[in-house]
């Protein structure tokens, strides 16, 4: 039975739930990446990004120095502060408190902070929450104090140091500029070429037009990996080798089939009366294209620009093949894969900030032009009047 007026069908609800699910599926890791990019490596390793607003606990090891040994009531006594003067003082943030301590690495939190425990041979050890400790022994420590383990509760910490390291210390700033240098021309050039070709295939009559359209459709399913080596050899033979010009032309060639197909479908759907009236008035094909077809095709142009920009910005394979392997020419994807993942494999804060920088620009481009995306994807689905 058809849906009753005013009620939504089950299919509508299913579509809406699917959209919500996909948005959440995309949004959750993106937010996690953003939060992690502002956290320290220690905090990332101890808790998930969803716990970033809460304190984290981490075990530490220290050795009490014996240079301040003194005698009190026949006992040798060592006193000090683990949080401010210990071996881990540089890794501990303000507001850190000790929750437990121990004398063995197997159980670093065997005793609660503030307790006094027997260390054997009449010796004792106590560690307070504020980090102050007191170790006693019937015999001299002889220049080597006891080893102590403790569990510290550290407050949440957020820092911009990750971004400073990435942009100014690890060469990511240069890689960012290289990525823009590759992406902007590799997005504009295919649009310019494809727009002319799409108009010709949509509104100009010439022999072999049908075969060209079929060839364009066929090229959509050809894996670009098949052309990498032959195309690189061709570039080397004609003298452009591994260079920015070479990668511009490579991305142009790989993006043209989709661009021509998308733009042609949109241009075919434009009102025929407008085109024919312009021809009757004596307008040339170039004038029709520049003054009528191109302005009306802006949604399709913007739609392809989004796809091409995202593809080129996030590309790793083509950049590895068509750009030199030196730091001066590396784009962000190559920089992250080669340098940061290689030398910073355990520094998750650096990796998170570098990854978020790499997706920030595509996100801005997508949200700035997303209103044209659906209109461009529906190109040719409805016949124009």
Protein backbone atom coordinates (compact mmCIF):
# COMPACT_ATOMS: atom_id res chain seq x y z
CA UNK A 1 0.00 0.00 0.00
CA UNK A 2 1.22 3.45 -0.82
CA UNK A 3 2.40 5.59 2.06
CA UNK A 4 -0.34 7.64 3.74
CA UNK A 5 -0.02 11.39 3.26
CA UNK A 6 1.92 12.99 6.05
CA UNK A 7 3.70 9.77 7.00
CA UNK A 8 7.21 8.77 6.00
CA UNK A 9 7.80 5.37 4.49
CA UNK A 10 10.14 2.86 6.08
CA UNK A 11 12.54 3.33 3.19
CA UNK A 12 12.84 7.04 4.01
CA UNK A 13 13.69 6.28 7.60
CA UNK A 14 16.22 3.67 6.47
CA UNK A 15 17.93 6.20 4.21
CA UNK A 16 18.05 8.81 6.98
CA UNK A 17 19.48 6.33 9.48
CA UNK A 18 22.08 5.23 6.95
CA UNK A 19 23.15 8.82 6.37
CA UNK A 20 23.41 9.45 10.12
CA UNK A 21 25.44 6.25 10.54
CA UNK A 22 27.88 7.24 7.77
CA UNK A 23 28.26 10.76 9.17
CA UNK A 24 29.01 9.41 12.65
CA UNK A 25 31.36 6.80 11.18
CA UNK A 26 33.32 9.57 9.48
CA UNK A 27 33.06 12.16 12.24
CA UNK A 28 34.22 10.06 15.21
CA UNK A 29 37.74 9.25 13.93
CA UNK A 30 38.15 12.80 12.63
CA UNK A 31 37.34 14.29 16.04
CA UNK A 32 39.63 11.70 17.64
CA UNK A 33 42.46 12.70 15.35
CA UNK A 34 41.94 16.39 16.15
CA UNK A 35 41.91 15.80 19.91
CA UNK A 36 44.95 13.53 19.77
CA UNK A 37 46.91 16.14 17.83
CA UNK A 38 46.84 18.41 20.91
CA UNK A 39 47.82 15.71 23.43
CA UNK A 40 51.25 14.59 24.57
CA UNK A 41 52.66 11.23 23.59
CA UNK A 42 52.47 9.95 27.17
CA UNK A 43 48.79 10.76 27.49
CA UNK A 44 47.97 9.24 24.11
CA UNK A 45 49.69 6.01 25.10
CA UNK A 46 47.85 5.85 28.44
CA UNK A 47 44.26 6.62 27.43
CA UNK A 48 41.98 7.07 24.45
CA UNK A 49 41.08 10.44 23.01
CA UNK A 50 37.60 10.20 24.57
CA UNK A 51 39.31 10.36 27.99
CA UNK A 52 41.35 13.44 27.09
CA UNK A 53 39.46 15.61 29.58
CA UNK A 54 40.29 13.29 32.48
CA UNK A 55 43.46 12.55 34.43
CA UNK A 56 45.57 9.56 33.42
CA UNK A 57 47.73 7.27 35.52
CA UNK A 58 51.21 6.20 34.57
CA UNK A 59 53.87 4.16 36.36
CA UNK A 60 57.37 5.56 36.87
CA UNK A 61 60.64 4.27 38.22
CA UNK A 62 63.19 6.29 40.21
CA UNK A 63 66.21 5.82 42.44
CA UNK A 64 66.46 7.84 45.61
CA UNK A 65 69.83 9.67 45.75
CA UNK A 66 71.94 8.95 48.82
CA UNK A 67 73.95 12.17 48.86
CA UNK A 68 71.61 13.76 51.42
CA UNK A 69 71.90 10.95 53.92
CA UNK A 70 71.59 11.93 57.58
CA UNK A 71 71.31 10.16 60.92
CA UNK A 72 68.23 10.52 63.14
CA UNK A 73 67.79 8.48 66.34
CA UNK A 74 70.34 5.94 65.21
CA UNK A 75 68.79 5.46 61.74
CA UNK A 76 70.11 6.59 58.37
CA UNK A 77 67.45 8.73 56.69
CA UNK A 78 66.91 9.96 53.11
CA UNK A 79 64.26 12.59 52.32
CA UNK A 80 63.30 14.38 49.14
CA UNK A 81 60.67 15.02 46.48
CA UNK A 82 60.03 12.60 43.61
CA UNK A 83 57.80 14.96 41.64
CA UNK A 84 60.00 18.07 41.62
CA UNK A 85 63.52 16.73 42.05
CA UNK A 86 63.34 13.13 40.88
CA UNK A 87 64.61 11.59 37.65
CA UNK A 88 61.15 11.95 36.04
CA UNK A 89 60.56 15.58 37.04
CA UNK A 90 60.70 16.80 33.43
CA UNK A 91 57.96 14.36 32.38
CA UNK A 92 55.59 15.25 35.23
CA UNK A 93 53.15 18.13 34.81
CA UNK A 94 52.00 20.62 37.42
CA UNK A 95 49.15 19.20 39.46
CA UNK A 96 50.44 15.62 39.32
CA UNK A 97 49.80 13.53 42.42
CA UNK A 98 51.10 10.13 43.47
CA UNK A 99 48.36 7.58 44.12
CA UNK A 100 50.47 4.52 44.95
CA UNK A 101 54.04 3.31 45.21
CA UNK A 102 56.00 0.09 45.45
CA UNK A 103 59.44 -1.43 45.78
CA UNK A 104 59.17 -3.79 42.81
CA UNK A 105 58.59 -3.19 39.12
CA UNK A 106 56.13 -6.09 39.09
CA UNK A 107 53.79 -4.19 41.45
CA UNK A 108 54.60 -0.47 41.13
CA UNK A 109 51.36 0.41 42.93
CA UNK A 110 51.47 -2.14 45.74
CA UNK A 111 50.97 0.43 48.51
CA UNK A 112 48.78 3.49 48.81
CA UNK A 113 50.43 6.88 48.95
CA UNK A 114 51.16 7.92 52.52
CA UNK A 115 51.71 4.41 53.87
CA UNK A 116 54.96 3.41 55.56
CA UNK A 117 56.20 -0.01 54.46
CA UNK A 118 58.98 -2.27 55.71
CA UNK A 119 61.77 -2.66 53.15
CA UNK A 120 63.64 -5.34 55.16
CA UNK A 121 66.53 -5.22 57.63
CA UNK A 122 64.61 -2.72 59.71
CA UNK A 123 64.32 -0.17 56.91
CA UNK A 124 61.16 1.67 55.92
CA UNK A 125 59.89 3.66 52.97
CA UNK A 126 56.98 6.06 52.67
CA UNK A 127 55.86 8.22 49.73
CA UNK A 128 53.21 10.93 50.10
CA UNK A 129 50.75 12.15 47.48
CA UNK A 130 52.72 15.34 46.93
CA UNK A 131 55.84 13.32 46.06
CA UNK A 132 57.76 13.74 49.30
CA UNK A 133 59.41 10.55 50.52
CA UNK A 134 61.29 9.23 53.53
CA UNK A 135 63.55 6.18 53.44
CA UNK A 136 65.23 4.81 56.57
CA UNK A 137 67.81 2.09 57.16
CA UNK A 138 69.82 0.77 60.11
CA UNK A 139 72.94 0.79 57.91
CA UNK A 140 74.37 3.47 55.66
CA UNK A 141 73.02 3.59 52.11
CA UNK A 142 76.67 3.93 51.01
CA UNK A 143 76.06 6.28 48.06
CA UNK A 144 73.16 4.31 46.54
CA UNK A 145 69.61 4.86 47.71
CA UNK A 146 66.77 2.38 47.26
CA UNK A 147 64.86 2.07 44.02
CA UNK A 148 61.25 3.21 44.19
CA UNK A 149 58.32 2.73 41.83
CA UNK A 150 55.26 4.92 41.89
CA UNK A 151 51.99 5.52 40.04
CA UNK A 152 51.26 9.16 39.29
CA UNK A 153 47.91 10.65 38.33
CA UNK A 154 48.58 13.35 35.76
CA UNK A 155 46.02 16.04 34.86
CA UNK A 156 44.92 16.39 31.23
CA UNK A 157 47.44 18.31 29.16
CA UNK A 158 46.98 19.96 25.76
CA UNK A 159 49.79 21.52 23.80
CA UNK A 160 50.57 23.21 20.49
CA UNK A 161 54.08 21.74 20.52
CA UNK A 162 53.03 18.96 18.14
CA UNK A 163 52.01 21.47 15.49
CA UNK A 164 55.13 23.57 16.04
CA UNK A 165 57.32 20.50 15.61
CA UNK A 166 55.50 19.40 12.49
CA UNK A 167 55.37 22.78 10.75
CA UNK A 168 58.77 24.19 11.73
CA UNK A 169 61.01 21.30 12.80
CA UNK A 170 60.10 18.35 10.63
CA UNK A 171 59.80 20.12 7.27
CA UNK A 172 56.05 19.69 7.02
CA UNK A 173 55.67 23.37 6.12
CA UNK A 174 57.70 22.83 2.94
CA UNK A 175 55.74 19.66 2.22
CA UNK A 176 52.50 21.63 2.66
CA UNK A 177 53.60 24.18 0.05
CA UNK A 178 54.71 21.37 -2.28
CA UNK A 179 51.29 19.77 -1.96
CA UNK A 180 49.60 23.04 -2.90
CA UNK A 181 52.02 23.41 -5.82
CA UNK A 182 51.01 19.99 -7.10
CA UNK A 183 47.30 20.06 -6.30
CA UNK A 184 46.16 23.44 -7.62
CA UNK A 185 47.51 23.09 -11.20
CA UNK A 186 46.57 19.39 -11.26
CA UNK A 187 42.99 20.42 -10.51
CA UNK A 188 42.71 23.41 -12.85
CA UNK A 189 44.38 21.90 -15.94
CA UNK A 190 42.04 18.87 -16.27
CA UNK A 191 39.00 21.12 -15.82
CA UNK A 192 40.12 23.43 -18.63
CA UNK A 193 40.89 20.60 -21.03
CA UNK A 194 37.84 18.51 -20.12
CA UNK A 195 35.41 21.44 -20.43
CA UNK A 196 36.36 22.01 -24.09
CA UNK A 197 36.29 18.28 -24.84
CA UNK A 198 32.94 17.80 -23.11
CA UNK A 199 31.34 20.62 -25.10
CA UNK A 200 32.62 19.14 -28.34
CA UNK A 201 31.29 15.69 -27.47
CA UNK A 202 27.94 17.11 -26.33
CA UNK A 203 27.04 19.74 -28.97
CA UNK A 204 29.36 19.43 -31.96
CA UNK A 205 28.80 16.98 -34.79
CA UNK A 206 31.92 15.30 -36.24
CA UNK A 207 32.89 11.81 -37.42
CA UNK A 208 33.88 9.35 -34.68
CA UNK A 209 32.19 11.21 -31.86
CA UNK A 210 30.44 8.07 -30.64
CA UNK A 211 33.71 6.14 -30.58
CA UNK A 212 35.38 8.88 -28.57
CA UNK A 213 32.56 8.84 -26.02
CA UNK A 214 32.86 5.04 -25.74
CA UNK A 215 36.64 5.36 -25.30
CA UNK A 216 36.18 7.89 -22.50
CA UNK A 217 33.77 5.55 -20.71
CA UNK A 218 36.19 2.66 -21.17
CA UNK A 219 39.09 4.62 -19.71
CA UNK A 220 37.12 5.10 -16.50
CA UNK A 221 37.69 1.45 -15.56
CA UNK A 222 41.37 1.24 -16.51
CA UNK A 223 43.60 1.10 -13.38
CA UNK A 224 46.10 3.95 -13.36
CA UNK A 225 48.78 1.56 -12.08
CA UNK A 226 49.02 0.11 -15.59
CA UNK A 227 50.22 3.45 -16.95
CA UNK A 228 52.67 4.50 -14.24
CA UNK A 229 55.84 2.91 -15.59
CA UNK A 230 55.22 3.61 -19.33
CA UNK A 231 54.23 7.19 -18.55
CA UNK A 232 57.32 7.75 -16.39
CA UNK A 233 59.57 6.40 -19.16
CA UNK A 234 57.86 8.72 -21.64
CA UNK A 235 58.43 11.69 -19.33
CA UNK A 236 62.10 10.80 -18.99
CA UNK A 237 62.50 10.49 -22.76
CA UNK A 238 60.98 13.90 -23.46
CA UNK A 239 62.98 15.55 -20.67
CA UNK A 240 60.44 16.31 -17.95
CA UNK A 241 61.28 13.23 -15.87
CA UNK A 242 60.45 13.44 -12.16
CA UNK A 243 59.31 17.03 -11.84
CA UNK A 244 56.30 19.15 -10.98
CA UNK A 245 55.44 19.46 -14.67
CA UNK A 246 55.53 15.69 -14.99
CA UNK A 247 53.17 15.11 -12.06
CA UNK A 248 50.80 17.84 -13.31
CA UNK A 249 50.52 16.10 -16.66
CA UNK A 250 50.17 12.69 -15.00
CA UNK A 251 47.28 13.81 -12.80
CA UNK A 252 45.73 15.57 -15.79
CA UNK A 253 45.79 12.35 -17.81
CA UNK A 254 44.42 10.24 -14.97
CA UNK A 255 41.65 12.73 -14.19
CA UNK A 256 40.46 13.56 -17.71
CA UNK A 257 38.19 10.51 -18.32
CA UNK A 258 36.04 11.23 -15.25
CA UNK A 259 36.08 14.96 -15.95
CA UNK A 260 34.97 14.58 -19.58
CA UNK A 261 32.31 12.03 -18.68
CA UNK A 262 30.89 14.15 -15.86
CA UNK A 263 30.91 17.45 -17.77
CA UNK A 264 29.52 15.95 -20.98
CA UNK A 265 26.57 14.41 -19.14
CA UNK A 266 25.82 17.77 -17.59
CA UNK A 267 26.18 19.76 -20.81
CA UNK A 268 23.95 17.35 -22.73
CA UNK A 269 21.19 18.13 -20.25
CA UNK A 270 21.31 21.89 -20.89
CA UNK A 271 18.28 23.35 -22.72
CA UNK A 272 18.73 22.84 -26.46
CA UNK A 273 16.66 25.94 -27.29
CA UNK A 274 19.30 28.22 -25.76
CA UNK A 275 22.11 26.67 -27.79
CA UNK A 276 20.17 26.69 -31.06
CA UNK A 277 19.00 30.28 -30.53
CA UNK A 278 22.58 31.40 -30.02
CA UNK A 279 23.64 29.65 -33.24
CA UNK A 280 20.79 31.29 -35.15
CA UNK A 281 21.97 34.67 -33.86
CA UNK A 282 25.40 33.95 -35.37
CA UNK A 283 27.34 32.96 -32.26
CA UNK A 284 30.34 30.72 -32.82
CA UNK A 285 30.89 27.52 -30.87
CA UNK A 286 33.59 29.24 -28.83
CA UNK A 287 31.24 32.10 -27.92
CA UNK A 288 28.45 29.67 -27.01
CA UNK A 289 30.86 27.71 -24.87
CA UNK A 290 32.32 30.71 -23.04
CA UNK A 291 29.16 32.79 -22.53
CA UNK A 292 26.41 30.17 -22.19
CA UNK A 293 27.59 26.61 -21.56
CA UNK A 294 30.46 27.33 -19.18
CA UNK A 295 28.47 29.52 -16.74
CA UNK A 296 25.57 27.05 -16.73
CA UNK A 297 27.95 24.15 -16.09
CA UNK A 298 29.48 25.59 -12.93
CA UNK A 299 27.88 22.95 -10.62
CA UNK A 300 29.48 20.15 -12.63
CA UNK A 301 32.81 21.97 -12.76
CA UNK A 302 32.74 22.45 -8.99
CA UNK A 303 31.76 18.83 -8.45
CA UNK A 304 34.71 17.54 -10.43
CA UNK A 305 37.02 20.08 -8.80
CA UNK A 306 36.13 18.61 -5.40
CA UNK A 307 36.88 15.06 -6.54
CA UNK A 308 40.10 15.98 -8.31
CA UNK A 309 41.36 18.16 -5.47
CA UNK A 310 40.73 15.44 -2.87
CA UNK A 311 42.29 12.78 -5.06
CA UNK A 312 45.47 14.75 -5.81
CA UNK A 313 45.86 16.09 -2.26
CA UNK A 314 45.63 12.61 -0.73
CA UNK A 315 47.65 10.88 -3.44
CA UNK A 316 50.73 8.93 -2.43
CA UNK A 317 51.42 6.53 -5.31
CA UNK A 318 51.63 9.05 -8.16
CA UNK A 319 53.69 11.44 -6.02
CA UNK A 320 56.15 8.67 -5.17
CA UNK A 321 56.60 7.84 -8.85
CA UNK A 322 56.62 11.26 -10.52
CA UNK A 323 58.44 13.42 -7.95
CA UNK A 324 62.10 13.29 -6.87
CA UNK A 325 62.86 11.58 -3.56
CA UNK A 326 64.47 14.66 -1.97
CA UNK A 327 63.02 16.75 0.87
CA UNK A 328 62.65 19.83 -1.36
CA UNK A 329 60.00 18.09 -3.52
CA UNK A 330 58.15 15.84 -1.06
CA UNK A 331 54.43 16.34 -0.65
CA UNK A 332 52.66 15.80 2.66
CA UNK A 333 51.57 12.20 2.07
CA UNK A 334 55.12 11.18 1.15
CA UNK A 335 56.55 13.17 4.07
CA UNK A 336 54.27 11.45 6.54
CA UNK A 337 54.84 7.99 5.08
CA UNK A 338 58.61 8.22 4.70
CA UNK A 339 59.85 10.49 7.45
CA UNK A 340 57.28 10.74 10.22
CA UNK A 341 56.20 7.10 10.20
CA UNK A 342 59.82 6.04 9.90
CA UNK A 343 61.48 8.26 12.48
CA UNK A 344 58.43 9.06 14.64
CA UNK A 345 56.74 5.68 14.69
CA UNK A 346 55.98 5.93 18.41
CA UNK A 347 55.34 9.67 18.58
CA UNK A 348 51.59 9.59 18.09
CA UNK A 349 51.11 13.27 18.90
CA UNK A 350 53.35 14.29 16.00
CA UNK A 351 51.66 11.81 13.66
CA UNK A 352 48.18 12.96 14.67
CA UNK A 353 48.96 16.63 14.11
CA UNK A 354 50.63 15.92 10.76
CA UNK A 355 47.66 13.82 9.65
CA UNK A 356 45.14 16.47 10.69
CA UNK A 357 47.06 19.17 8.84
CA UNK A 358 46.93 16.97 5.74
CA UNK A 359 43.12 16.65 5.93
CA UNK A 360 42.31 20.21 7.04
CA UNK A 361 42.52 21.78 3.56
CA UNK A 362 40.44 19.07 1.82
CA UNK A 363 37.79 19.49 4.51
CA UNK A 364 37.65 23.24 3.89
CA UNK A 365 37.39 22.70 0.13
CA UNK A 366 34.68 20.08 0.52
CA UNK A 367 32.48 22.11 2.87
CA UNK A 368 32.97 25.28 0.81
CA UNK A 369 31.78 23.59 -2.41
CA UNK A 370 29.60 20.73 -1.16
CA UNK A 371 26.37 22.48 -2.22
CA UNK A 372 27.42 21.94 -5.84
CA UNK A 373 28.37 18.29 -5.31
CA UNK A 374 24.90 16.73 -5.52
CA UNK A 375 23.89 18.91 -8.46
CA UNK A 376 27.03 17.89 -10.31
CA UNK A 377 26.62 14.19 -9.52
CA UNK A 378 23.07 14.26 -10.86
CA UNK A 379 24.33 15.62 -14.17
CA UNK A 380 22.39 14.08 -17.06
CA UNK A 381 19.92 12.21 -14.83
CA UNK A 382 17.07 14.55 -15.83
CA UNK A 383 16.61 15.72 -19.38
CA UNK A 384 16.54 19.47 -19.81
CA UNK A 385 13.58 21.20 -21.39
